[in-house]
Protein backbone atom coordinates (compact mmCIF):
# COMPACT_ATOMS: atom_id res chain seq x y z
CA UNK A 1 -18.60 -34.27 -33.26
CA UNK A 2 -15.21 -32.84 -32.51
CA UNK A 3 -14.71 -29.72 -30.24
CA UNK A 4 -14.61 -26.44 -31.85
CA UNK A 5 -11.38 -25.37 -30.10
CA UNK A 6 -9.59 -28.55 -28.84
CA UNK A 7 -6.45 -26.69 -27.35
CA UNK A 8 -8.49 -24.60 -25.00
CA UNK A 9 -10.09 -25.45 -21.74
CA UNK A 10 -13.71 -26.32 -21.63
CA UNK A 11 -15.98 -23.69 -19.94
CA UNK A 12 -18.01 -25.17 -17.17
CA UNK A 13 -21.59 -23.90 -16.70
CA UNK A 14 -22.49 -22.14 -13.38
CA UNK A 15 -21.25 -19.12 -11.35
CA UNK A 16 -17.67 -17.88 -11.18
CA UNK A 17 -15.42 -19.03 -8.33
CA UNK A 18 -15.74 -16.75 -5.49
CA UNK A 19 -12.14 -15.36 -5.55
CA UNK A 20 -12.94 -13.48 -8.74
CA UNK A 21 -13.95 -9.94 -8.68
CA UNK A 22 -16.80 -9.33 -10.82
CA UNK A 23 -16.36 -5.52 -11.33
CA UNK A 24 -15.10 -4.04 -14.61
CA UNK A 25 -12.02 -2.35 -13.35
CA UNK A 26 -11.06 -4.31 -10.48
CA UNK A 27 -11.53 -3.74 -6.67
CA UNK A 28 -11.53 -0.50 -5.23
CA UNK A 29 -7.89 0.75 -4.38
CA UNK A 30 -7.03 2.74 -1.15
CA UNK A 31 -6.74 6.36 -1.74
CA UNK A 32 -3.79 7.32 0.41
CA UNK A 33 -3.78 10.38 2.87
CA UNK A 34 -6.42 12.63 1.29
CA UNK A 35 -9.40 10.13 1.28
CA UNK A 36 -12.08 9.81 3.88
CA UNK A 37 -12.54 11.96 6.90
CA UNK A 38 -9.04 13.65 6.55
CA UNK A 39 -9.66 14.87 2.90
CA UNK A 40 -11.77 17.89 3.96
CA UNK A 41 -9.47 18.78 6.91
CA UNK A 42 -6.47 18.81 4.61
CA UNK A 43 -8.40 21.15 2.10
CA UNK A 44 -9.21 23.67 5.16
CA UNK A 45 -5.56 23.39 6.46
CA UNK A 46 -3.57 23.27 3.22
CA UNK A 47 -5.76 25.40 0.83
CA UNK A 48 -2.94 26.14 -1.70
CA UNK A 49 -1.67 22.77 -2.21
CA UNK A 50 -3.03 21.31 -5.51
CA UNK A 51 -1.70 18.95 -8.26
CA UNK A 52 1.95 18.40 -8.08
CA UNK A 53 2.66 20.33 -5.11
CA UNK A 54 0.18 18.31 -3.05
CA UNK A 55 1.51 15.04 -4.42
CA UNK A 56 5.03 16.12 -3.61
CA UNK A 57 3.98 17.21 -0.07
CA UNK A 58 2.21 13.91 0.98
CA UNK A 59 5.12 11.86 -0.62
CA UNK A 60 7.48 13.61 1.75
CA UNK A 61 5.08 12.94 4.66
CA UNK A 62 4.72 9.41 3.84
CA UNK A 63 8.58 8.87 3.87
CA UNK A 64 8.34 9.47 7.77
CA UNK A 65 6.30 6.13 7.97
CA UNK A 66 8.84 3.68 7.10
CA UNK A 67 11.58 5.74 8.95
CA UNK A 68 9.50 5.63 11.93
CA UNK A 69 8.71 1.99 11.79
CA UNK A 70 12.44 1.29 11.06
CA UNK A 71 13.41 3.35 14.25
CA UNK A 72 10.88 1.55 16.31
CA UNK A 73 12.11 -1.77 14.91
CA UNK A 74 15.74 -0.91 15.82
CA UNK A 75 14.88 0.14 19.35
CA UNK A 76 12.80 -3.25 19.89
CA UNK A 77 15.58 -5.31 18.24
CA UNK A 78 18.23 -3.63 20.54
CA UNK A 79 16.22 -4.23 23.64
CA UNK A 80 15.86 -7.92 22.51
CA UNK A 81 19.26 -8.95 20.88
CA UNK A 82 21.62 -5.85 21.35
CA UNK A 83 23.22 -4.29 18.38
CA UNK A 84 22.57 -7.28 16.00
CA UNK A 85 18.85 -6.89 16.70
CA UNK A 86 19.07 -3.23 16.10
CA UNK A 87 20.45 -3.98 12.53
CA UNK A 88 17.78 -6.57 12.11
CA UNK A 89 14.97 -4.56 13.50
CA UNK A 90 15.88 -1.55 11.33
CA UNK A 91 15.92 -3.53 8.37
CA UNK A 92 12.60 -5.34 9.17
CA UNK A 93 10.99 -1.92 10.13
CA UNK A 94 12.02 -0.26 7.04
CA UNK A 95 10.83 -2.95 4.78
CA UNK A 96 7.51 -3.40 6.61
CA UNK A 97 6.90 0.43 6.47
CA UNK A 98 7.74 0.80 2.91
CA UNK A 99 5.61 -2.25 1.92
CA UNK A 100 2.69 -0.85 3.77
CA UNK A 101 3.06 2.63 2.50
CA UNK A 102 3.32 1.45 -1.11
CA UNK A 103 0.25 -1.02 -0.69
CA UNK A 104 -1.95 1.67 0.84
CA UNK A 105 -0.79 4.17 -1.93
CA UNK A 106 0.58 6.69 0.59
CA UNK A 107 3.75 7.19 -1.60
CA UNK A 108 2.70 7.92 -5.40
CA UNK A 109 5.03 8.12 -8.34
């Protein structure tokens, strides 16, 4: 008896491989600055920020993270390799900080 769909892979019986998330909408995503214990604190300290203004404010705050890491990388690179290390450290710090801020959803579009 021929297979019903010869061009498709056969489905194996048993459980799914362990690297697949079984949920419906995917794994939970990080919530950025306003989640967890800091959320109520921000609501008390900044009660007038809502919606787009809140998003704009925290986007501006989150720009300091890559800049701070870039400055730290530049200082560390300068201490190790001089001016060349400063340039390399600045680039590496900016890239690492921007990647971290984007992956943790600190900067929202």
